[in-house]
Amino acid sequence: MRQSLGELEKAFAKEISLERLRRDSLQRTTRKRALKREVDRRHKRGSVRFVLLVLTLIATAVIVTAVMFRTLYLLLG
């Protein structure tokens, strides 16, 4: 019985050790995924902001050009 009890204790200790390793591995994987999602979100937000900036610059150039030619037309017309 003692040998059997000793074997059970060793098996239990081994199982606990394996469970800790699995838990640590899952935590690392979860952290990696969360970090990757955050990086992807940040990149997407940056891309959207860049597109908005470019569109704003183009709209500003078009408006300034139109106002400039209208002013020239009024002054010279």
N, C-alpha and C. Protein backbone atom coordinates (compact mmCIF):
# COMPACT_ATOMS: atom_id res chain seq x y z
N MET A 1 0.82 -1.19 0.00
CA MET A 1 0.00 0.00 0.00
C MET A 1 0.86 1.26 0.00
N ARG A 2 1.99 1.24 0.74
CA ARG A 2 2.84 2.42 0.80
C ARG A 2 3.43 2.73 -0.58
N GLN A 3 3.85 1.71 -1.26
CA GLN A 3 4.42 1.93 -2.59
C GLN A 3 3.34 2.51 -3.51
N SER A 4 2.17 2.02 -3.45
CA SER A 4 1.08 2.51 -4.26
C SER A 4 0.75 3.96 -3.92
N LEU A 5 0.75 4.28 -2.64
CA LEU A 5 0.48 5.65 -2.21
C LEU A 5 1.60 6.58 -2.67
N GLY A 6 2.83 6.14 -2.60
CA GLY A 6 3.97 6.92 -3.09
C GLY A 6 3.87 7.17 -4.58
N GLU A 7 3.48 6.14 -5.31
CA GLU A 7 3.32 6.30 -6.76
C GLU A 7 2.20 7.30 -7.07
N LEU A 8 1.13 7.23 -6.32
CA LEU A 8 0.03 8.17 -6.52
C LEU A 8 0.48 9.61 -6.25
N GLU A 9 1.26 9.79 -5.21
CA GLU A 9 1.76 11.13 -4.89
C GLU A 9 2.66 11.66 -5.99
N LYS A 10 3.54 10.78 -6.52
CA LYS A 10 4.43 11.19 -7.61
C LYS A 10 3.62 11.54 -8.86
N ALA A 11 2.63 10.71 -9.16
CA ALA A 11 1.78 10.96 -10.33
C ALA A 11 1.02 12.28 -10.16
N PHE A 12 0.52 12.51 -8.95
CA PHE A 12 -0.20 13.74 -8.67
C PHE A 12 0.71 14.95 -8.82
N ALA A 13 1.92 14.86 -8.29
CA ALA A 13 2.88 15.96 -8.39
C ALA A 13 3.24 16.22 -9.86
N LYS A 14 3.40 15.14 -10.62
CA LYS A 14 3.72 15.29 -12.04
C LYS A 14 2.55 15.95 -12.78
N GLU A 15 1.34 15.54 -12.45
CA GLU A 15 0.16 16.12 -13.09
C GLU A 15 0.03 17.62 -12.76
N ILE A 16 0.30 17.97 -11.52
CA ILE A 16 0.27 19.38 -11.12
C ILE A 16 1.31 20.17 -11.91
N SER A 17 2.49 19.60 -12.05
CA SER A 17 3.56 20.27 -12.79
C SER A 17 3.16 20.48 -14.25
N LEU A 18 2.59 19.44 -14.87
CA LEU A 18 2.16 19.56 -16.26
C LEU A 18 1.04 20.60 -16.40
N GLU A 19 0.14 20.63 -15.44
CA GLU A 19 -0.95 21.60 -15.47
C GLU A 19 -0.42 23.04 -15.37
N ARG A 20 0.58 23.24 -14.53
CA ARG A 20 1.20 24.57 -14.44
C ARG A 20 1.84 24.97 -15.76
N LEU A 21 2.53 24.02 -16.37
CA LEU A 21 3.15 24.32 -17.67
C LEU A 21 2.11 24.68 -18.71
N ARG A 22 1.01 23.92 -18.75
CA ARG A 22 -0.06 24.22 -19.70
C ARG A 22 -0.66 25.60 -19.44
N ARG A 23 -0.90 25.90 -18.17
CA ARG A 23 -1.48 27.20 -17.81
C ARG A 23 -0.55 28.34 -18.22
N ASP A 24 0.73 28.20 -17.95
CA ASP A 24 1.70 29.22 -18.34
C ASP A 24 1.75 29.40 -19.85
N SER A 25 1.70 28.27 -20.55
CA SER A 25 1.71 28.33 -22.01
C SER A 25 0.47 29.05 -22.53
N LEU A 26 -0.68 28.75 -21.97
CA LEU A 26 -1.92 29.42 -22.38
C LEU A 26 -1.87 30.91 -22.08
N GLN A 27 -1.32 31.28 -20.95
CA GLN A 27 -1.20 32.69 -20.61
C GLN A 27 -0.29 33.42 -21.60
N ARG A 28 0.83 32.80 -21.95
CA ARG A 28 1.74 33.42 -22.93
C ARG A 28 1.04 33.59 -24.28
N THR A 29 0.32 32.54 -24.69
CA THR A 29 -0.38 32.60 -25.97
C THR A 29 -1.44 33.71 -25.96
N THR A 30 -2.15 33.82 -24.85
CA THR A 30 -3.18 34.85 -24.73
C THR A 30 -2.56 36.24 -24.80
N ARG A 31 -1.45 36.43 -24.10
CA ARG A 31 -0.78 37.73 -24.13
C ARG A 31 -0.30 38.07 -25.54
N LYS A 32 0.25 37.08 -26.24
CA LYS A 32 0.72 37.31 -27.61
C LYS A 32 -0.43 37.73 -28.52
N ARG A 33 -1.56 37.02 -28.40
CA ARG A 33 -2.72 37.35 -29.24
C ARG A 33 -3.24 38.75 -28.95
N ALA A 34 -3.31 39.09 -27.67
CA ALA A 34 -3.80 40.43 -27.29
C ALA A 34 -2.88 41.51 -27.84
N LEU A 35 -1.58 41.29 -27.74
CA LEU A 35 -0.62 42.25 -28.27
C LEU A 35 -0.75 42.39 -29.78
N LYS A 36 -0.92 41.28 -30.47
CA LYS A 36 -1.07 41.31 -31.93
C LYS A 36 -2.34 42.06 -32.32
N ARG A 37 -3.44 41.82 -31.60
CA ARG A 37 -4.68 42.54 -31.89
C ARG A 37 -4.50 44.04 -31.68
N GLU A 38 -3.82 44.42 -30.63
CA GLU A 38 -3.59 45.84 -30.35
C GLU A 38 -2.74 46.48 -31.45
N VAL A 39 -1.72 45.77 -31.89
CA VAL A 39 -0.86 46.30 -32.96
C VAL A 39 -1.67 46.44 -34.25
N ASP A 40 -2.50 45.45 -34.55
CA ASP A 40 -3.34 45.51 -35.75
C ASP A 40 -4.32 46.69 -35.68
N ARG A 41 -4.94 46.88 -34.51
CA ARG A 41 -5.87 48.00 -34.34
C ARG A 41 -5.15 49.34 -34.52
N ARG A 42 -3.99 49.45 -33.92
CA ARG A 42 -3.22 50.70 -34.01
C ARG A 42 -2.84 50.99 -35.47
N HIS A 43 -2.44 49.94 -36.19
CA HIS A 43 -2.06 50.11 -37.60
C HIS A 43 -3.27 50.54 -38.42
N LYS A 44 -4.41 49.91 -38.16
CA LYS A 44 -5.63 50.25 -38.91
C LYS A 44 -6.04 51.69 -38.64
N ARG A 45 -6.00 52.11 -37.36
CA ARG A 45 -6.34 53.49 -37.01
C ARG A 45 -5.39 54.47 -37.69
N GLY A 46 -4.10 54.13 -37.72
CA GLY A 46 -3.12 55.00 -38.36
C GLY A 46 -3.38 55.13 -39.85
N SER A 47 -3.76 54.04 -40.49
CA SER A 47 -4.05 54.07 -41.93
C SER A 47 -5.27 54.94 -42.22
N VAL A 48 -6.30 54.81 -41.40
CA VAL A 48 -7.51 55.61 -41.59
C VAL A 48 -7.19 57.09 -41.41
N ARG A 49 -6.41 57.41 -40.39
CA ARG A 49 -6.03 58.81 -40.15
C ARG A 49 -5.23 59.37 -41.32
N PHE A 50 -4.34 58.55 -41.88
CA PHE A 50 -3.53 59.00 -43.00
C PHE A 50 -4.41 59.30 -44.21
N VAL A 51 -5.37 58.42 -44.49
CA VAL A 51 -6.28 58.63 -45.62
C VAL A 51 -7.08 59.92 -45.41
N LEU A 52 -7.57 60.13 -44.20
CA LEU A 52 -8.32 61.36 -43.91
C LEU A 52 -7.44 62.60 -44.10
N LEU A 53 -6.19 62.52 -43.69
CA LEU A 53 -5.27 63.64 -43.86
C LEU A 53 -5.07 63.95 -45.35
N VAL A 54 -4.85 62.92 -46.14
CA VAL A 54 -4.64 63.11 -47.58
C VAL A 54 -5.88 63.71 -48.22
N LEU A 55 -7.06 63.20 -47.87
CA LEU A 55 -8.30 63.74 -48.44
C LEU A 55 -8.52 65.19 -48.03
N THR A 56 -8.18 65.52 -46.80
CA THR A 56 -8.30 66.91 -46.34
C THR A 56 -7.36 67.83 -47.11
N LEU A 57 -6.14 67.38 -47.34
CA LEU A 57 -5.19 68.20 -48.11
C LEU A 57 -5.66 68.40 -49.55
N ILE A 58 -6.19 67.35 -50.16
CA ILE A 58 -6.68 67.48 -51.54
C ILE A 58 -7.88 68.41 -51.59
N ALA A 59 -8.81 68.27 -50.64
CA ALA A 59 -9.98 69.15 -50.61
C ALA A 59 -9.56 70.60 -50.41
N THR A 60 -8.59 70.83 -49.54
CA THR A 60 -8.10 72.19 -49.30
C THR A 60 -7.50 72.78 -50.57
N ALA A 61 -6.71 71.98 -51.27
CA ALA A 61 -6.10 72.46 -52.51
C ALA A 61 -7.16 72.80 -53.56
N VAL A 62 -8.19 71.98 -53.66
CA VAL A 62 -9.25 72.23 -54.64
C VAL A 62 -10.02 73.50 -54.27
N ILE A 63 -10.35 73.65 -53.01
CA ILE A 63 -11.11 74.84 -52.57
C ILE A 63 -10.29 76.12 -52.78
N VAL A 64 -9.02 76.08 -52.40
CA VAL A 64 -8.17 77.27 -52.57
C VAL A 64 -8.03 77.62 -54.04
N THR A 65 -7.86 76.63 -54.90
CA THR A 65 -7.74 76.88 -56.34
C THR A 65 -9.02 77.50 -56.89
N ALA A 66 -10.18 76.93 -56.50
CA ALA A 66 -11.45 77.46 -57.00
C ALA A 66 -11.66 78.90 -56.53
N VAL A 67 -11.38 79.18 -55.28
CA VAL A 67 -11.55 80.54 -54.75
C VAL A 67 -10.58 81.50 -55.44
N MET A 68 -9.36 81.06 -55.69
CA MET A 68 -8.37 81.91 -56.34
C MET A 68 -8.83 82.29 -57.76
N PHE A 69 -9.31 81.30 -58.53
CA PHE A 69 -9.75 81.61 -59.90
C PHE A 69 -11.01 82.45 -59.89
N ARG A 70 -11.91 82.24 -58.94
CA ARG A 70 -13.12 83.06 -58.85
C ARG A 70 -12.73 84.51 -58.53
N THR A 71 -11.80 84.67 -57.63
CA THR A 71 -11.33 86.02 -57.28
C THR A 71 -10.67 86.70 -58.47
N LEU A 72 -9.85 85.96 -59.21
CA LEU A 72 -9.22 86.52 -60.42
C LEU A 72 -10.28 86.92 -61.45
N TYR A 73 -11.30 86.10 -61.59
CA TYR A 73 -12.36 86.38 -62.54
C TYR A 73 -13.08 87.66 -62.13
N LEU A 74 -13.37 87.80 -60.83
CA LEU A 74 -14.07 88.99 -60.36
C LEU A 74 -13.21 90.24 -60.50
N LEU A 75 -11.91 90.12 -60.23
CA LEU A 75 -11.01 91.27 -60.30
C LEU A 75 -10.75 91.69 -61.75
N LEU A 76 -10.60 90.72 -62.64
CA LEU A 76 -10.25 91.04 -64.03
C LEU A 76 -11.48 91.14 -64.93
N GLY A 77 -12.60 90.60 -64.49
CA GLY A 77 -13.81 90.55 -65.32
C GLY A 77 -14.55 91.77 -65.35
